[in-house]
PDB file of N, CA and C in Angstrom:
ATOM      1  N   MET A   1       0.854  -1.169   0.000  1.00  0.00           N
ATOM      2  CA  MET A   1       0.000   0.000   0.000  1.00  0.00           C
ATOM      3  C   MET A   1       0.902   1.235   0.000  1.00  0.00           C
ATOM      4  N   ARG A   2       0.531   2.217  -0.828  1.00  0.00           N
ATOM      5  CA  ARG A   2       1.383   3.393  -0.994  1.00  0.00           C
ATOM      6  C   ARG A   2       0.545   4.657  -1.064  1.00  0.00           C
ATOM      7  N   ALA A   3       0.994   5.703  -0.386  1.00  0.00           N
ATOM      8  CA  ALA A   3       0.354   7.015  -0.481  1.00  0.00           C
ATOM      9  C   ALA A   3       0.847   7.691  -1.757  1.00  0.00           C
ATOM     10  N   VAL A   4      -0.061   8.317  -2.506  1.00  0.00           N
ATOM     11  CA  VAL A   4       0.334   8.957  -3.759  1.00  0.00           C
ATOM     12  C   VAL A   4       0.283  10.480  -3.710  1.00  0.00           C
ATOM     13  N   ARG A   5      -0.517  11.046  -2.781  1.00  0.00           N
ATOM     14  CA  ARG A   5      -0.523  12.511  -2.659  1.00  0.00           C
ATOM     15  C   ARG A   5      -1.238  12.951  -1.391  1.00  0.00           C
ATOM     16  N   ARG A   6      -0.879  14.122  -0.926  1.00  0.00           N
ATOM     17  CA  ARG A   6      -1.566  14.753   0.202  1.00  0.00           C
ATOM     18  C   ARG A   6      -2.878  15.330  -0.312  1.00  0.00           C
ATOM     19  N   ILE A   7      -3.877  15.266   0.522  1.00  0.00           N
ATOM     20  CA  ILE A   7      -5.171  15.873   0.207  1.00  0.00           C
ATOM     21  C   ILE A   7      -5.304  17.118   1.077  1.00  0.00           C
ATOM     22  N   GLY A   8      -5.455  18.266   0.465  1.00  0.00           N
ATOM     23  CA  GLY A   8      -5.584  19.514   1.227  1.00  0.00           C
ATOM     24  C   GLY A   8      -4.234  20.141   1.510  1.00  0.00           C
ATOM     25  N   LYS A   9      -4.216  21.026   2.503  1.00  0.00           N
ATOM     26  CA  LYS A   9      -3.005  21.757   2.866  1.00  0.00           C
ATOM     27  C   LYS A   9      -2.192  20.967   3.878  1.00  0.00           C
ATOM     28  N   SER A  10      -0.924  21.280   3.961  1.00  0.00           N
ATOM     29  CA  SER A  10      -0.044  20.604   4.926  1.00  0.00           C
ATOM     30  C   SER A  10      -0.402  21.047   6.338  1.00  0.00           C
ATOM     31  N   PRO A  11      -0.072  20.221   7.328  1.00  0.00           N
ATOM     32  CA  PRO A  11      -0.309  20.619   8.715  1.00  0.00           C
ATOM     33  C   PRO A  11       0.384  21.936   9.066  1.00  0.00           C
ATOM     34  N   ALA A  12       1.564  22.171   8.512  1.00  0.00           N
ATOM     35  CA  ALA A  12       2.276  23.427   8.773  1.00  0.00           C
ATOM     36  C   ALA A  12       1.493  24.625   8.239  1.00  0.00           C
ATOM     37  N   GLU A  13       0.930  24.494   7.027  1.00  0.00           N
ATOM     38  CA  GLU A  13       0.139  25.579   6.441  1.00  0.00           C
ATOM     39  C   GLU A  13      -1.090  25.897   7.288  1.00  0.00           C
ATOM     40  N   LEU A  14      -1.650  24.863   7.937  1.00  0.00           N
ATOM     41  CA  LEU A  14      -2.864  25.029   8.740  1.00  0.00           C
ATOM     42  C   LEU A  14      -2.570  25.369  10.191  1.00  0.00           C
ATOM     43  N   GLY A  15      -1.301  25.336  10.582  1.00  0.00           N
ATOM     44  CA  GLY A  15      -0.949  25.613  11.972  1.00  0.00           C
ATOM     45  C   GLY A  15      -1.306  24.469  12.911  1.00  0.00           C
ATOM     46  N   ASN A  16      -1.356  23.235  12.366  1.00  0.00           N
ATOM     47  CA  ASN A  16      -1.744  22.063  13.156  1.00  0.00           C
ATOM     48  C   ASN A  16      -0.562  21.195  13.565  1.00  0.00           C
ATOM     49  N   THR A  17       0.614  21.751  13.631  1.00  0.00           N
ATOM     50  CA  THR A  17       1.784  20.945  13.986  1.00  0.00           C
ATOM     51  C   THR A  17       2.804  21.792  14.728  1.00  0.00           C
ATOM     52  N   THR A  18       3.576  21.127  15.554  1.00  0.00           N
ATOM     53  CA  THR A  18       4.693  21.799  16.212  1.00  0.00           C
ATOM     54  C   THR A  18       5.984  21.525  15.463  1.00  0.00           C
ATOM     55  N   GLY A  19       5.924  20.594  14.497  1.00  0.00           N
ATOM     56  CA  GLY A  19       7.108  20.220  13.750  1.00  0.00           C
ATOM     57  C   GLY A  19       7.979  19.212  14.487  1.00  0.00           C
ATOM     58  N   VAL A  20       7.568  18.819  15.696  1.00  0.00           N
ATOM     59  CA  VAL A  20       8.346  17.899  16.512  1.00  0.00           C
ATOM     60  C   VAL A  20       7.786  16.481  16.436  1.00  0.00           C
ATOM     61  N   SER A  21       6.486  16.369  16.400  1.00  0.00           N
ATOM     62  CA  SER A  21       5.864  15.045  16.390  1.00  0.00           C
ATOM     63  C   SER A  21       4.935  14.920  15.186  1.00  0.00           C
ATOM     64  N   GLY A  22       4.114  13.889  15.180  1.00  0.00           N
ATOM     65  CA  GLY A  22       3.177  13.670  14.083  1.00  0.00           C
ATOM     66  C   GLY A  22       2.195  14.816  13.930  1.00  0.00           C
ATOM     67  N   SER A  23       1.516  14.817  12.829  1.00  0.00           N
ATOM     68  CA  SER A  23       0.573  15.888  12.534  1.00  0.00           C
ATOM     69  C   SER A  23      -0.656  15.321  11.858  1.00  0.00           C
ATOM     70  N   PRO A  24      -1.831  15.933  12.078  1.00  0.00           N
ATOM     71  CA  PRO A  24      -3.023  15.463  11.385  1.00  0.00           C
ATOM     72  C   PRO A  24      -2.878  15.677   9.887  1.00  0.00           C
ATOM     73  N   ASP A  25      -3.295  14.691   9.121  1.00  0.00           N
ATOM     74  CA  ASP A  25      -3.136  14.791   7.678  1.00  0.00           C
ATOM     75  C   ASP A  25      -4.070  13.819   6.981  1.00  0.00           C
ATOM     76  N   ILE A  26      -4.278  14.028   5.692  1.00  0.00           N
ATOM     77  CA  ILE A  26      -5.075  13.134   4.854  1.00  0.00           C
ATOM     78  C   ILE A  26      -4.269  12.870   3.591  1.00  0.00           C
ATOM     79  N   VAL A  27      -4.130  11.601   3.217  1.00  0.00           N
ATOM     80  CA  VAL A  27      -3.427  11.249   1.989  1.00  0.00           C
ATOM     81  C   VAL A  27      -4.296  10.319   1.149  1.00  0.00           C
ATOM     82  N   GLU A  28      -4.112  10.409  -0.159  1.00  0.00           N
ATOM     83  CA  GLU A  28      -4.796   9.495  -1.075  1.00  0.00           C
ATOM     84  C   GLU A  28      -3.879   8.301  -1.311  1.00  0.00           C
ATOM     85  N   LEU A  29      -4.466   7.107  -1.306  1.00  0.00           N
ATOM     86  CA  LEU A  29      -3.714   5.888  -1.533  1.00  0.00           C
ATOM     87  C   LEU A  29      -3.763   5.492  -2.998  1.00  0.00           C
ATOM     88  N   GLU A  30      -2.844   4.652  -3.416  1.00  0.00           N
ATOM     89  CA  GLU A  30      -2.755   4.268  -4.825  1.00  0.00           C
ATOM     90  C   GLU A  30      -4.021   3.595  -5.345  1.00  0.00           C
ATOM     91  N   ASP A  31      -4.844   3.009  -4.455  1.00  0.00           N
ATOM     92  CA  ASP A  31      -6.080   2.366  -4.903  1.00  0.00           C
ATOM     93  C   ASP A  31      -7.269   3.326  -4.909  1.00  0.00           C
ATOM     94  N   GLY A  32      -7.020   4.622  -4.614  1.00  0.00           N
ATOM     95  CA  GLY A  32      -8.081   5.623  -4.625  1.00  0.00           C
ATOM     96  C   GLY A  32      -8.731   5.842  -3.270  1.00  0.00           C
ATOM     97  N   ALA A  33      -8.424   4.995  -2.288  1.00  0.00           N
ATOM     98  CA  ALA A  33      -8.937   5.185  -0.931  1.00  0.00           C
ATOM     99  C   ALA A  33      -8.122   6.281  -0.243  1.00  0.00           C
ATOM    100  N   PHE A  34      -8.540   6.668   0.944  1.00  0.00           N
ATOM    101  CA  PHE A  34      -7.854   7.716   1.695  1.00  0.00           C
ATOM    102  C   PHE A  34      -7.388   7.183   3.040  1.00  0.00           C
ATOM    103  N   ALA A  35      -6.274   7.700   3.522  1.00  0.00           N
ATOM    104  CA  ALA A  35      -5.773   7.391   4.861  1.00  0.00           C
ATOM    105  C   ALA A  35      -5.764   8.689   5.656  1.00  0.00           C
ATOM    106  N   VAL A  36      -6.170   8.594   6.913  1.00  0.00           N
ATOM    107  CA  VAL A  36      -6.253   9.762   7.782  1.00  0.00           C
ATOM    108  C   VAL A  36      -5.291   9.572   8.950  1.00  0.00           C
ATOM    109  N   ILE A  37      -4.499  10.594   9.219  1.00  0.00           N
ATOM    110  CA  ILE A  37      -3.602  10.604  10.372  1.00  0.00           C
ATOM    111  C   ILE A  37      -4.218  11.547  11.395  1.00  0.00           C
ATOM    112  N   GLY A  38      -4.448  11.043  12.582  1.00  0.00           N
ATOM    113  CA  GLY A  38      -5.034  11.869  13.629  1.00  0.00           C
ATOM    114  C   GLY A  38      -4.795  11.251  14.988  1.00  0.00           C
ATOM    115  N   VAL A  39      -5.294  11.902  16.010  1.00  0.00           N
ATOM    116  CA  VAL A  39      -5.149  11.427  17.379  1.00  0.00           C
ATOM    117  C   VAL A  39      -6.168  10.321  17.629  1.00  0.00           C
ATOM    118  N   ASP A  40      -5.709   9.197  18.161  1.00  0.00           N
ATOM    119  CA  ASP A  40      -6.576   8.059  18.461  1.00  0.00           C
ATOM    120  C   ASP A  40      -7.491   8.410  19.627  1.00  0.00           C
ATOM    121  N   ILE A  41      -8.804   8.463  19.366  1.00  0.00           N
ATOM    122  CA  ILE A  41      -9.780   8.757  20.422  1.00  0.00           C
ATOM    123  C   ILE A  41     -10.762   7.602  20.608  1.00  0.00           C
ATOM    124  N   THR A  42     -10.396   6.417  20.125  1.00  0.00           N
ATOM    125  CA  THR A  42     -11.285   5.266  20.171  1.00  0.00           C
ATOM    126  C   THR A  42     -11.826   5.013  21.571  1.00  0.00           C
ATOM    127  N   ASP A  43     -10.972   5.080  22.577  1.00  0.00           N
ATOM    128  CA  ASP A  43     -11.401   4.787  23.947  1.00  0.00           C
ATOM    129  C   ASP A  43     -12.097   5.960  24.626  1.00  0.00           C
ATOM    130  N   GLN A  44     -12.145   7.113  23.963  1.00  0.00           N
ATOM    131  CA  GLN A  44     -12.732   8.301  24.576  1.00  0.00           C
ATOM    132  C   GLN A  44     -14.102   8.665  24.019  1.00  0.00           C
ATOM    133  N   ILE A  45     -14.406   8.220  22.814  1.00  0.00           N
ATOM    134  CA  ILE A  45     -15.661   8.618  22.174  1.00  0.00           C
ATOM    135  C   ILE A  45     -16.791   7.689  22.617  1.00  0.00           C
ATOM    136  N   SER A  46     -17.950   8.266  22.784  1.00  0.00           N
ATOM    137  CA  SER A  46     -19.104   7.468  23.172  1.00  0.00           C
ATOM    138  C   SER A  46     -20.249   7.761  22.206  1.00  0.00           C
ATOM    139  N   ASP A  47     -21.258   6.942  22.262  1.00  0.00           N
ATOM    140  CA  ASP A  47     -22.494   7.144  21.499  1.00  0.00           C
ATOM    141  C   ASP A  47     -22.356   7.023  19.991  1.00  0.00           C
ATOM    142  N   LEU A  48     -21.335   6.322  19.489  1.00  0.00           N
ATOM    143  CA  LEU A  48     -21.224   6.112  18.047  1.00  0.00           C
ATOM    144  C   LEU A  48     -22.439   5.371  17.512  1.00  0.00           C
ATOM    145  N   GLU A  49     -22.920   4.417  18.285  1.00  0.00           N
ATOM    146  CA  GLU A  49     -24.055   3.606  17.824  1.00  0.00           C
ATOM    147  C   GLU A  49     -25.326   4.429  17.670  1.00  0.00           C
ATOM    148  N   THR A  50     -25.395   5.592  18.312  1.00  0.00           N
ATOM    149  CA  THR A  50     -26.529   6.500  18.128  1.00  0.00           C
ATOM    150  C   THR A  50     -26.690   6.851  16.650  1.00  0.00           C
ATOM    151  N   PHE A  51     -25.568   6.891  15.941  1.00  0.00           N
ATOM    152  CA  PHE A  51     -25.557   7.261  14.525  1.00  0.00           C
ATOM    153  C   PHE A  51     -25.427   6.044  13.617  1.00  0.00           C
ATOM    154  N   GLY A  52     -25.498   4.848  14.209  1.00  0.00           N
ATOM    155  CA  GLY A  52     -25.352   3.624  13.429  1.00  0.00           C
ATOM    156  C   GLY A  52     -23.903   3.324  13.073  1.00  0.00           C
ATOM    157  N   ALA A  53     -22.962   3.976  13.766  1.00  0.00           N
ATOM    158  CA  ALA A  53     -21.539   3.778  13.500  1.00  0.00           C
ATOM    159  C   ALA A  53     -20.968   2.771  14.491  1.00  0.00           C
ATOM    160  N   ARG A  54     -20.017   1.988  14.027  1.00  0.00           N
ATOM    161  CA  ARG A  54     -19.346   1.002  14.866  1.00  0.00           C
ATOM    162  C   ARG A  54     -17.865   0.965  14.519  1.00  0.00           C
ATOM    163  N   CYS A  55     -17.056   0.637  15.497  1.00  0.00           N
ATOM    164  CA  CYS A  55     -15.617   0.531  15.293  1.00  0.00           C
ATOM    165  C   CYS A  55     -15.214  -0.915  15.533  1.00  0.00           C
ATOM    166  N   ALA A  56     -14.782  -1.579  14.471  1.00  0.00           N
ATOM    167  CA  ALA A  56     -14.366  -2.978  14.561  1.00  0.00           C
ATOM    168  C   ALA A  56     -13.050  -3.080  15.328  1.00  0.00           C
ATOM    169  N   PRO A  57     -12.721  -4.260  15.819  1.00  0.00           N
ATOM    170  CA  PRO A  57     -11.476  -4.431  16.565  1.00  0.00           C
ATOM    171  C   PRO A  57     -10.218  -4.014  15.786  1.00  0.00           C
ATOM    172  N   ASN A  58     -10.251  -4.098  14.469  1.00  0.00           N
ATOM    173  CA  ASN A  58      -9.080  -3.707  13.670  1.00  0.00           C
ATOM    174  C   ASN A  58      -9.162  -2.257  13.186  1.00  0.00           C
ATOM    175  N   GLU A  59     -10.088  -1.474  13.715  1.00  0.00           N
ATOM    176  CA  GLU A  59     -10.255  -0.066  13.340  1.00  0.00           C
ATOM    177  C   GLU A  59     -10.005   0.834  14.545  1.00  0.00           C
ATOM    178  N   ARG A  60      -9.687   2.099  14.266  1.00  0.00           N
ATOM    179  CA  ARG A  60      -9.501   3.100  15.307  1.00  0.00           C
ATOM    180  C   ARG A  60     -10.265   4.341  14.899  1.00  0.00           C
ATOM    181  N   VAL A  61     -10.800   5.058  15.865  1.00  0.00           N
ATOM    182  CA  VAL A  61     -11.442   6.344  15.631  1.00  0.00           C
ATOM    183  C   VAL A  61     -10.377   7.406  15.874  1.00  0.00           C
ATOM    184  N   VAL A  62     -10.172   8.280  14.890  1.00  0.00           N
ATOM    185  CA  VAL A  62      -9.162   9.332  15.044  1.00  0.00           C
ATOM    186  C   VAL A  62      -9.807  10.701  14.957  1.00  0.00           C
ATOM    187  N   ARG A  63      -9.234  11.636  15.702  1.00  0.00           N
ATOM    188  CA  ARG A  63      -9.704  13.020  15.690  1.00  0.00           C
ATOM    189  C   ARG A  63      -8.851  13.791  14.691  1.00  0.00           C
ATOM    190  N   VAL A  64      -9.521  14.486  13.787  1.00  0.00           N
ATOM    191  CA  VAL A  64      -8.848  15.309  12.786  1.00  0.00           C
ATOM    192  C   VAL A  64      -9.403  16.726  12.936  1.00  0.00           C
ATOM    193  N   PRO A  65      -8.556  17.727  13.052  1.00  0.00           N
ATOM    194  CA  PRO A  65      -9.052  19.096  13.172  1.00  0.00           C
ATOM    195  C   PRO A  65      -9.951  19.472  11.989  1.00  0.00           C
ATOM    196  N   ARG A  66     -10.954  20.258  12.265  1.00  0.00           N
ATOM    197  CA  ARG A  66     -11.887  20.710  11.230  1.00  0.00           C
ATOM    198  C   ARG A  66     -11.133  21.350  10.061  1.00  0.00           C
ATOM    199  N   SER A  67     -10.104  22.136  10.367  1.00  0.00           N
ATOM    200  CA  SER A  67      -9.364  22.829   9.306  1.00  0.00           C
ATOM    201  C   SER A  67      -8.704  21.846   8.344  1.00  0.00           C
ATOM    202  N   THR A  68      -8.256  20.693   8.851  1.00  0.00           N
ATOM    203  CA  THR A  68      -7.634  19.680   7.997  1.00  0.00           C
ATOM    204  C   THR A  68      -8.646  19.124   7.005  1.00  0.00           C
ATOM    205  N   LEU A  69      -9.824  18.804   7.492  1.00  0.00           N
ATOM    206  CA  LEU A  69     -10.849  18.222   6.626  1.00  0.00           C
ATOM    207  C   LEU A  69     -11.419  19.240   5.642  1.00  0.00           C
ATOM    208  N   THR A  70     -11.710  20.445   6.086  1.00  0.00           N
ATOM    209  CA  THR A  70     -12.273  21.439   5.174  1.00  0.00           C
ATOM    210  C   THR A  70     -11.254  21.865   4.117  1.00  0.00           C
ATOM    211  N   ALA A  71      -9.966  21.884   4.470  1.00  0.00           N
ATOM    212  CA  ALA A  71      -8.927  22.242   3.492  1.00  0.00           C
ATOM    213  C   ALA A  71      -8.785  21.177   2.427  1.00  0.00           C
ATOM    214  N   ALA A  72      -9.216  19.952   2.716  1.00  0.00           N
ATOM    215  CA  ALA A  72      -9.113  18.852   1.750  1.00  0.00           C
ATOM    216  C   ALA A  72     -10.295  18.793   0.797  1.00  0.00           C
ATOM    217  N   LYS A  73     -11.343  19.491   1.091  1.00  0.00           N
ATOM    218  CA  LYS A  73     -12.597  19.391   0.321  1.00  0.00           C
ATOM    219  C   LYS A  73     -12.392  19.524  -1.187  1.00  0.00           C
ATOM    220  N   ASN A  74     -11.664  20.513  -1.618  1.00  0.00           N
ATOM    221  CA  ASN A  74     -11.491  20.743  -3.054  1.00  0.00           C
ATOM    222  C   ASN A  74     -10.590  19.714  -3.737  1.00  0.00           C
ATOM    223  N   ASP A  75      -9.805  18.962  -2.957  1.00  0.00           N
ATOM    224  CA  ASP A  75      -8.911  17.955  -3.518  1.00  0.00           C
ATOM    225  C   ASP A  75      -9.547  16.560  -3.618  1.00  0.00           C
ATOM    226  N   ILE A  76     -10.734  16.410  -3.039  1.00  0.00           N
ATOM    227  CA  ILE A  76     -11.395  15.093  -3.070  1.00  0.00           C
ATOM    228  C   ILE A  76     -12.252  15.010  -4.331  1.00  0.00           C
ATOM    229  N   PRO A  77     -11.949  14.044  -5.193  1.00  0.00           N
ATOM    230  CA  PRO A  77     -12.687  13.934  -6.451  1.00  0.00           C
ATOM    231  C   PRO A  77     -14.136  13.522  -6.228  1.00  0.00           C
ATOM    232  N   GLU A  78     -15.002  13.934  -7.114  1.00  0.00           N
ATOM    233  CA  GLU A  78     -16.404  13.498  -7.102  1.00  0.00           C
ATOM    234  C   GLU A  78     -16.468  12.038  -7.497  1.00  0.00           C
ATOM    235  N   GLY A  79     -17.324  11.278  -6.824  1.00  0.00           N
ATOM    236  CA  GLY A  79     -17.579   9.876  -7.179  1.00  0.00           C
ATOM    237  C   GLY A  79     -16.495   8.929  -7.104  1.00  0.00           C
TER     238      GLY A  79
END
């Protein structure tokens, strides 16, 4: 599996990084899927099932700043 491009602006451009550790980000994968880098909040979030959402044992819920996701909007292809 390989990342082919960043989606949206860099964490530095958005002010979402200290430059010392990881940073929230979104990348497109070679198969057209997306990978999200964020803070693991799986054990902190509640009420996912209220929305019909579930997290499988091999999945994690990550927090991504709003600015990261909105900055990626124009880079996400339709369909």
